[in-house]
């Protein structure tokens, strides 16, 4: 693998995209999407989903116990269900956050890597996981992003070509919004390419447990707080 020379380690990259996620969710709660401010905040927020998928693929590569990794994601996907559902829908429905989608993404990588079956069955398994992900945030796309980052980990050209192709599909899918240009913020996904390729140095940073657990705790907590604040403001 090519030596990385960026200035952000894994922890710093994680906190950067967590901040981007917070900005994005504040915009969804309080700022009209079609406004200039809304577009700017959502462009920043587009960094989070794909970068989390990238870190998941990296985590799979380095973890010593995939089962524990999957169990942790599965538990926090359930914990995050009610806060995300309330934030997203204002009521309790089968709507799951990005941790749920990342859980399915990990299963997709695991199956593709360890499954003792033909490529066709792996493709069908990935399709099944993509269909299950429609109940989660970054549905389908994070599963495909994570699998792309895993399969082309040591081939930047193929990795970013595949990433770009998936992203174009994502952007085209948003063209039906009203007004039509309100989906232009999805182009912010392309900012992930320079962020990871040129700013990330491939180093983990501190291995203190705080860095490992912060996102798992912060994710459902900030959704719950924003959901309550929105109810207070707009009630």
C-alpha atoms as a PDB file:
ATOM      1  CA  UNK A   1       0.000   0.000   0.000  1.00  0.00           C
ATOM      2  CA  UNK A   2       1.288   3.487  -0.877  1.00  0.00           C
ATOM      3  CA  UNK A   3       2.658   5.431   2.109  1.00  0.00           C
ATOM      4  CA  UNK A   4       0.259   8.188   3.132  1.00  0.00           C
ATOM      5  CA  UNK A   5       1.587  11.629   4.001  1.00  0.00           C
ATOM      6  CA  UNK A   6      -1.560  13.480   5.124  1.00  0.00           C
ATOM      7  CA  UNK A   7      -1.887  15.503   8.323  1.00  0.00           C
ATOM      8  CA  UNK A   8      -4.942  13.787   9.860  1.00  0.00           C
ATOM      9  CA  UNK A   9      -4.752  10.510  11.771  1.00  0.00           C
ATOM     10  CA  UNK A  10      -7.755   8.208  12.123  1.00  0.00           C
ATOM     11  CA  UNK A  11      -9.004   9.785  15.353  1.00  0.00           C
ATOM     12  CA  UNK A  12      -8.743  13.307  13.970  1.00  0.00           C
ATOM     13  CA  UNK A  13     -10.503  12.271  10.763  1.00  0.00           C
ATOM     14  CA  UNK A  14     -13.252  10.646  12.807  1.00  0.00           C
ATOM     15  CA  UNK A  15     -13.864  13.768  14.908  1.00  0.00           C
ATOM     16  CA  UNK A  16     -13.850  15.928  11.787  1.00  0.00           C
ATOM     17  CA  UNK A  17     -16.626  13.928  10.146  1.00  0.00           C
ATOM     18  CA  UNK A  18     -18.558  13.692  13.434  1.00  0.00           C
ATOM     19  CA  UNK A  19     -18.552  17.503  13.503  1.00  0.00           C
ATOM     20  CA  UNK A  20     -19.685  17.481   9.858  1.00  0.00           C
ATOM     21  CA  UNK A  21     -22.504  15.098  10.814  1.00  0.00           C
ATOM     22  CA  UNK A  22     -23.630  17.410  13.617  1.00  0.00           C
ATOM     23  CA  UNK A  23     -23.720  20.382  11.221  1.00  0.00           C
ATOM     24  CA  UNK A  24     -25.712  18.287   8.737  1.00  0.00           C
ATOM     25  CA  UNK A  25     -28.250  17.169  11.338  1.00  0.00           C
ATOM     26  CA  UNK A  26     -28.687  20.697  12.693  1.00  0.00           C
ATOM     27  CA  UNK A  27     -29.479  21.743   9.125  1.00  0.00           C
ATOM     28  CA  UNK A  28     -32.038  18.948   8.698  1.00  0.00           C
ATOM     29  CA  UNK A  29     -33.706  20.008  11.935  1.00  0.00           C
ATOM     30  CA  UNK A  30     -33.745  23.794  11.609  1.00  0.00           C
ATOM     31  CA  UNK A  31     -32.580  25.072   8.184  1.00  0.00           C
ATOM     32  CA  UNK A  32     -34.569  24.885   4.912  1.00  0.00           C
ATOM     33  CA  UNK A  33     -32.773  22.546   2.503  1.00  0.00           C
ATOM     34  CA  UNK A  34     -33.287  24.827  -0.496  1.00  0.00           C
ATOM     35  CA  UNK A  35     -31.672  27.814   1.252  1.00  0.00           C
ATOM     36  CA  UNK A  36     -28.044  28.760   0.615  1.00  0.00           C
ATOM     37  CA  UNK A  37     -27.172  28.042   4.251  1.00  0.00           C
ATOM     38  CA  UNK A  38     -28.947  24.695   4.111  1.00  0.00           C
ATOM     39  CA  UNK A  39     -27.064  23.682   0.969  1.00  0.00           C
ATOM     40  CA  UNK A  40     -23.714  24.724   2.507  1.00  0.00           C
ATOM     41  CA  UNK A  41     -24.371  22.785   5.741  1.00  0.00           C
ATOM     42  CA  UNK A  42     -25.462  19.672   3.869  1.00  0.00           C
ATOM     43  CA  UNK A  43     -22.406  19.845   1.591  1.00  0.00           C
ATOM     44  CA  UNK A  44     -20.276  19.658   4.746  1.00  0.00           C
ATOM     45  CA  UNK A  45     -22.447  16.814   6.014  1.00  0.00           C
ATOM     46  CA  UNK A  46     -21.794  14.739   2.885  1.00  0.00           C
ATOM     47  CA  UNK A  47     -18.322  14.006   4.236  1.00  0.00           C
ATOM     48  CA  UNK A  48     -19.635  11.790   7.009  1.00  0.00           C
ATOM     49  CA  UNK A  49     -21.352   8.736   5.517  1.00  0.00           C
ATOM     50  CA  UNK A  50     -18.693   7.769   2.953  1.00  0.00           C
ATOM     51  CA  UNK A  51     -15.822   8.496   5.363  1.00  0.00           C
ATOM     52  CA  UNK A  52     -17.449   6.333   8.031  1.00  0.00           C
ATOM     53  CA  UNK A  53     -17.735   3.583   5.403  1.00  0.00           C
ATOM     54  CA  UNK A  54     -14.041   4.029   4.670  1.00  0.00           C
ATOM     55  CA  UNK A  55     -13.118   3.763   8.344  1.00  0.00           C
ATOM     56  CA  UNK A  56     -15.312   0.678   8.648  1.00  0.00           C
ATOM     57  CA  UNK A  57     -13.365  -0.990   5.828  1.00  0.00           C
ATOM     58  CA  UNK A  58     -10.124   0.011   7.549  1.00  0.00           C
ATOM     59  CA  UNK A  59     -11.482  -1.273  10.854  1.00  0.00           C
ATOM     60  CA  UNK A  60     -12.258  -4.635   9.271  1.00  0.00           C
ATOM     61  CA  UNK A  61      -8.694  -4.821   7.980  1.00  0.00           C
ATOM     62  CA  UNK A  62      -7.162  -4.145  11.400  1.00  0.00           C
ATOM     63  CA  UNK A  63      -9.611  -5.719  13.857  1.00  0.00           C
ATOM     64  CA  UNK A  64      -8.630  -8.865  15.683  1.00  0.00           C
ATOM     65  CA  UNK A  65     -12.219  -9.951  16.249  1.00  0.00           C
ATOM     66  CA  UNK A  66     -14.787  -9.255  13.529  1.00  0.00           C
ATOM     67  CA  UNK A  67     -17.565 -10.880  15.565  1.00  0.00           C
ATOM     68  CA  UNK A  68     -17.088  -8.432  18.437  1.00  0.00           C
ATOM     69  CA  UNK A  69     -16.936  -5.552  15.957  1.00  0.00           C
ATOM     70  CA  UNK A  70     -20.205  -6.665  14.359  1.00  0.00           C
ATOM     71  CA  UNK A  71     -21.831  -7.216  17.766  1.00  0.00           C
ATOM     72  CA  UNK A  72     -20.870  -3.713  18.887  1.00  0.00           C
ATOM     73  CA  UNK A  73     -22.331  -2.176  15.742  1.00  0.00           C
ATOM     74  CA  UNK A  74     -25.479  -4.282  16.061  1.00  0.00           C
ATOM     75  CA  UNK A  75     -26.073  -3.288  19.691  1.00  0.00           C
ATOM     76  CA  UNK A  76     -25.645   0.424  19.023  1.00  0.00           C
ATOM     77  CA  UNK A  77     -27.782   0.187  15.892  1.00  0.00           C
ATOM     78  CA  UNK A  78     -30.613  -0.957  18.163  1.00  0.00           C
ATOM     79  CA  UNK A  79     -29.812   1.693  20.800  1.00  0.00           C
ATOM     80  CA  UNK A  80     -29.865   4.387  18.111  1.00  0.00           C
ATOM     81  CA  UNK A  81     -33.154   3.268  16.606  1.00  0.00           C
ATOM     82  CA  UNK A  82     -35.524   5.268  18.830  1.00  0.00           C
ATOM     83  CA  UNK A  83     -33.460   8.509  18.829  1.00  0.00           C
ATOM     84  CA  UNK A  84     -33.008   8.366  15.041  1.00  0.00           C
ATOM     85  CA  UNK A  85     -36.617   7.463  14.373  1.00  0.00           C
ATOM     86  CA  UNK A  86     -37.827  10.331  16.569  1.00  0.00           C
ATOM     87  CA  UNK A  87     -35.357  12.767  14.978  1.00  0.00           C
ATOM     88  CA  UNK A  88     -36.125  11.664  11.426  1.00  0.00           C
ATOM     89  CA  UNK A  89     -39.880  11.018  11.587  1.00  0.00           C
ATOM     90  CA  UNK A  90     -41.080  12.626  14.812  1.00  0.00           C
ATOM     91  CA  UNK A  91     -42.483   9.254  15.867  1.00  0.00           C
ATOM     92  CA  UNK A  92     -41.420   5.648  16.295  1.00  0.00           C
ATOM     93  CA  UNK A  93     -41.087   3.840  12.964  1.00  0.00           C
ATOM     94  CA  UNK A  94     -38.737   1.284  11.382  1.00  0.00           C
ATOM     95  CA  UNK A  95     -36.159   3.972  10.566  1.00  0.00           C
ATOM     96  CA  UNK A  96     -32.592   3.238  11.632  1.00  0.00           C
ATOM     97  CA  UNK A  97     -29.491   5.421  11.754  1.00  0.00           C
ATOM     98  CA  UNK A  98     -26.175   5.116   9.982  1.00  0.00           C
ATOM     99  CA  UNK A  99     -24.815   2.632  12.549  1.00  0.00           C
ATOM    100  CA  UNK A 100     -27.404   0.141  11.288  1.00  0.00           C
ATOM    101  CA  UNK A 101     -26.212   0.677   7.716  1.00  0.00           C
ATOM    102  CA  UNK A 102     -22.590   0.348   8.810  1.00  0.00           C
ATOM    103  CA  UNK A 103     -23.488  -2.922  10.544  1.00  0.00           C
ATOM    104  CA  UNK A 104     -24.840  -4.258   7.243  1.00  0.00           C
ATOM    105  CA  UNK A 105     -21.776  -2.852   5.470  1.00  0.00           C
ATOM    106  CA  UNK A 106     -19.515  -4.844   7.771  1.00  0.00           C
ATOM    107  CA  UNK A 107     -21.522  -7.995   7.042  1.00  0.00           C
ATOM    108  CA  UNK A 108     -21.122  -7.318   3.313  1.00  0.00           C
ATOM    109  CA  UNK A 109     -17.334  -7.001   3.622  1.00  0.00           C
ATOM    110  CA  UNK A 110     -17.142 -10.057   5.873  1.00  0.00           C
ATOM    111  CA  UNK A 111     -19.226 -12.168   3.495  1.00  0.00           C
ATOM    112  CA  UNK A 112     -17.255 -11.002   0.454  1.00  0.00           C
ATOM    113  CA  UNK A 113     -13.957 -11.719   2.190  1.00  0.00           C
ATOM    114  CA  UNK A 114     -14.713 -15.024   3.929  1.00  0.00           C
ATOM    115  CA  UNK A 115     -17.700 -16.458   2.096  1.00  0.00           C
ATOM    116  CA  UNK A 116     -16.870 -19.795   0.511  1.00  0.00           C
ATOM    117  CA  UNK A 117     -19.131 -19.386  -2.492  1.00  0.00           C
ATOM    118  CA  UNK A 118     -19.092 -18.049  -6.026  1.00  0.00           C
ATOM    119  CA  UNK A 119     -18.889 -14.356  -6.923  1.00  0.00           C
ATOM    120  CA  UNK A 120     -22.519 -14.543  -8.071  1.00  0.00           C
ATOM    121  CA  UNK A 121     -23.683 -15.573  -4.598  1.00  0.00           C
ATOM    122  CA  UNK A 122     -21.568 -12.829  -3.051  1.00  0.00           C
ATOM    123  CA  UNK A 123     -23.181 -10.314  -5.377  1.00  0.00           C
ATOM    124  CA  UNK A 124     -26.641 -11.601  -4.469  1.00  0.00           C
ATOM    125  CA  UNK A 125     -25.748 -11.451  -0.775  1.00  0.00           C
ATOM    126  CA  UNK A 126     -24.603  -7.846  -1.196  1.00  0.00           C
ATOM    127  CA  UNK A 127     -27.849  -7.024  -2.997  1.00  0.00           C
ATOM    128  CA  UNK A 128     -29.810  -8.527  -0.099  1.00  0.00           C
ATOM    129  CA  UNK A 129     -27.902  -6.426   2.428  1.00  0.00           C
ATOM    130  CA  UNK A 130     -28.456  -3.322   0.287  1.00  0.00           C
ATOM    131  CA  UNK A 131     -32.206  -4.019   0.324  1.00  0.00           C
ATOM    132  CA  UNK A 132     -32.160  -4.410   4.104  1.00  0.00           C
ATOM    133  CA  UNK A 133     -30.320  -1.094   4.372  1.00  0.00           C
ATOM    134  CA  UNK A 134     -33.271   0.863   2.957  1.00  0.00           C
ATOM    135  CA  UNK A 135     -34.475   1.183   6.553  1.00  0.00           C
ATOM    136  CA  UNK A 136     -31.225   2.964   7.503  1.00  0.00           C
ATOM    137  CA  UNK A 137     -29.462   6.256   6.893  1.00  0.00           C
ATOM    138  CA  UNK A 138     -27.137   6.354   3.856  1.00  0.00           C
ATOM    139  CA  UNK A 139     -29.129   3.354   2.640  1.00  0.00           C
ATOM    140  CA  UNK A 140     -27.430   1.164   0.038  1.00  0.00           C
ATOM    141  CA  UNK A 141     -24.706   3.705  -0.676  1.00  0.00           C
ATOM    142  CA  UNK A 142     -22.695   3.100   2.507  1.00  0.00           C
ATOM    143  CA  UNK A 143     -22.854  -0.659   1.903  1.00  0.00           C
ATOM    144  CA  UNK A 144     -21.485  -0.157  -1.619  1.00  0.00           C
ATOM    145  CA  UNK A 145     -18.945   2.454  -0.492  1.00  0.00           C
ATOM    146  CA  UNK A 146     -17.601   0.190   2.270  1.00  0.00           C
ATOM    147  CA  UNK A 147     -17.326  -2.787  -0.070  1.00  0.00           C
ATOM    148  CA  UNK A 148     -15.559  -0.629  -2.652  1.00  0.00           C
ATOM    149  CA  UNK A 149     -13.064   0.638  -0.071  1.00  0.00           C
ATOM    150  CA  UNK A 150     -12.395  -2.932   1.043  1.00  0.00           C
ATOM    151  CA  UNK A 151     -12.022  -4.501  -2.383  1.00  0.00           C
ATOM    152  CA  UNK A 152      -9.833  -1.753  -3.840  1.00  0.00           C
ATOM    153  CA  UNK A 153      -7.941  -0.855  -0.686  1.00  0.00           C
ATOM    154  CA  UNK A 154      -4.561  -1.057  -2.417  1.00  0.00           C
ATOM    155  CA  UNK A 155      -5.700   0.288  -5.785  1.00  0.00           C
ATOM    156  CA  UNK A 156      -6.527   4.025  -5.489  1.00  0.00           C
ATOM    157  CA  UNK A 157      -7.440   4.414  -9.157  1.00  0.00           C
ATOM    158  CA  UNK A 158     -10.051   1.642  -9.155  1.00  0.00           C
ATOM    159  CA  UNK A 159     -11.233   2.678  -5.695  1.00  0.00           C
ATOM    160  CA  UNK A 160     -12.019   6.263  -6.609  1.00  0.00           C
ATOM    161  CA  UNK A 161     -13.448   5.422 -10.034  1.00  0.00           C
ATOM    162  CA  UNK A 162     -15.897   2.996  -8.387  1.00  0.00           C
ATOM    163  CA  UNK A 163     -16.612   5.489  -5.600  1.00  0.00           C
ATOM    164  CA  UNK A 164     -17.346   8.210  -8.156  1.00  0.00           C
ATOM    165  CA  UNK A 165     -19.655   5.948 -10.157  1.00  0.00           C
ATOM    166  CA  UNK A 166     -21.690   5.124  -7.037  1.00  0.00           C
ATOM    167  CA  UNK A 167     -21.786   8.816  -6.116  1.00  0.00           C
ATOM    168  CA  UNK A 168     -23.075   9.844  -9.555  1.00  0.00           C
ATOM    169  CA  UNK A 169     -25.968   7.422  -9.100  1.00  0.00           C
ATOM    170  CA  UNK A 170     -26.645   8.978  -5.691  1.00  0.00           C
ATOM    171  CA  UNK A 171     -26.635  12.513  -7.138  1.00  0.00           C
ATOM    172  CA  UNK A 172     -28.872  11.589 -10.084  1.00  0.00           C
ATOM    173  CA  UNK A 173     -31.329  10.011  -7.661  1.00  0.00           C
ATOM    174  CA  UNK A 174     -31.769  13.368  -5.927  1.00  0.00           C
ATOM    175  CA  UNK A 175     -32.746  15.267  -9.096  1.00  0.00           C
ATOM    176  CA  UNK A 176     -36.445  14.611  -8.511  1.00  0.00           C
ATOM    177  CA  UNK A 177     -36.516  16.906  -5.463  1.00  0.00           C
ATOM    178  CA  UNK A 178     -38.364  20.232  -5.539  1.00  0.00           C
ATOM    179  CA  UNK A 179     -36.889  22.632  -6.376  1.00  0.00           C
ATOM    180  CA  UNK A 180     -34.690  20.508  -8.611  1.00  0.00           C
ATOM    181  CA  UNK A 181     -31.450  22.200  -7.547  1.00  0.00           C
ATOM    182  CA  UNK A 182     -32.074  21.471  -3.859  1.00  0.00           C
ATOM    183  CA  UNK A 183     -30.279  18.149  -4.285  1.00  0.00           C
ATOM    184  CA  UNK A 184     -27.056  19.755  -5.486  1.00  0.00           C
ATOM    185  CA  UNK A 185     -25.559  19.432  -1.997  1.00  0.00           C
ATOM    186  CA  UNK A 186     -25.023  15.729  -2.756  1.00  0.00           C
ATOM    187  CA  UNK A 187     -22.074  16.786  -4.918  1.00  0.00           C
ATOM    188  CA  UNK A 188     -20.298  17.396  -1.606  1.00  0.00           C
ATOM    189  CA  UNK A 189     -19.711  13.637  -1.486  1.00  0.00           C
ATOM    190  CA  UNK A 190     -16.870  14.145  -3.971  1.00  0.00           C
ATOM    191  CA  UNK A 191     -15.003  16.123  -1.279  1.00  0.00           C
ATOM    192  CA  UNK A 192     -14.394  12.762   0.407  1.00  0.00           C
ATOM    193  CA  UNK A 193     -11.826  11.930  -2.292  1.00  0.00           C
ATOM    194  CA  UNK A 194      -9.276  14.656  -1.404  1.00  0.00           C
ATOM    195  CA  UNK A 195     -10.106  14.318   2.305  1.00  0.00           C
ATOM    196  CA  UNK A 196      -9.103  10.647   2.417  1.00  0.00           C
ATOM    197  CA  UNK A 197      -6.560  10.540  -0.389  1.00  0.00           C
ATOM    198  CA  UNK A 198      -4.541  13.601   0.607  1.00  0.00           C
ATOM    199  CA  UNK A 199      -5.437  14.564   4.189  1.00  0.00           C
ATOM    200  CA  UNK A 200      -5.519  11.153   5.936  1.00  0.00           C
ATOM    201  CA  UNK A 201      -2.125   9.755   6.904  1.00  0.00           C
ATOM    202  CA  UNK A 202      -3.212   6.178   7.627  1.00  0.00           C
ATOM    203  CA  UNK A 203      -2.155   6.325  11.289  1.00  0.00           C
ATOM    204  CA  UNK A 204      -4.520   5.455  14.093  1.00  0.00           C
ATOM    205  CA  UNK A 205      -3.611   8.102  16.660  1.00  0.00           C
ATOM    206  CA  UNK A 206      -4.199   7.497  20.366  1.00  0.00           C
ATOM    207  CA  UNK A 207      -5.644   4.094  21.243  1.00  0.00           C
ATOM    208  CA  UNK A 208      -7.410   5.282  24.400  1.00  0.00           C
ATOM    209  CA  UNK A 209     -10.895   3.721  24.785  1.00  0.00           C
ATOM    210  CA  UNK A 210     -12.493   7.183  24.687  1.00  0.00           C
ATOM    211  CA  UNK A 211     -11.702   7.506  20.983  1.00  0.00           C
ATOM    212  CA  UNK A 212     -13.187   4.081  20.289  1.00  0.00           C
ATOM    213  CA  UNK A 213     -16.472   4.668  22.100  1.00  0.00           C
ATOM    214  CA  UNK A 214     -17.137   8.378  21.551  1.00  0.00           C
ATOM    215  CA  UNK A 215     -19.045   8.019  18.268  1.00  0.00           C
ATOM    216  CA  UNK A 216     -21.206   5.164  19.567  1.00  0.00           C
ATOM    217  CA  UNK A 217     -22.364   7.292  22.511  1.00  0.00           C
ATOM    218  CA  UNK A 218     -22.497  10.658  20.746  1.00  0.00           C
ATOM    219  CA  UNK A 219     -24.558   9.408  17.803  1.00  0.00           C
ATOM    220  CA  UNK A 220     -27.819   8.471  19.584  1.00  0.00           C
ATOM    221  CA  UNK A 221     -27.344  11.215  22.200  1.00  0.00           C
ATOM    222  CA  UNK A 222     -27.093  14.101  19.725  1.00  0.00           C
ATOM    223  CA  UNK A 223     -30.077  12.791  17.743  1.00  0.00           C
ATOM    224  CA  UNK A 224     -32.179  12.684  20.894  1.00  0.00           C
ATOM    225  CA  UNK A 225     -31.151  16.216  21.912  1.00  0.00           C
ATOM    226  CA  UNK A 226     -31.791  17.654  18.429  1.00  0.00           C
ATOM    227  CA  UNK A 227     -35.131  15.854  18.208  1.00  0.00           C
ATOM    228  CA  UNK A 228     -36.251  17.331  21.524  1.00  0.00           C
ATOM    229  CA  UNK A 229     -34.980  20.816  20.616  1.00  0.00           C
ATOM    230  CA  UNK A 230     -36.863  20.725  17.326  1.00  0.00           C
ATOM    231  CA  UNK A 231     -40.032  19.731  19.138  1.00  0.00           C
ATOM    232  CA  UNK A 232     -39.576  22.600  21.601  1.00  0.00           C
ATOM    233  CA  UNK A 233     -38.890  25.138  18.830  1.00  0.00           C
ATOM    234  CA  UNK A 234     -41.655  24.090  16.437  1.00  0.00           C
ATOM    235  CA  UNK A 235     -44.285  22.802  18.861  1.00  0.00           C
END
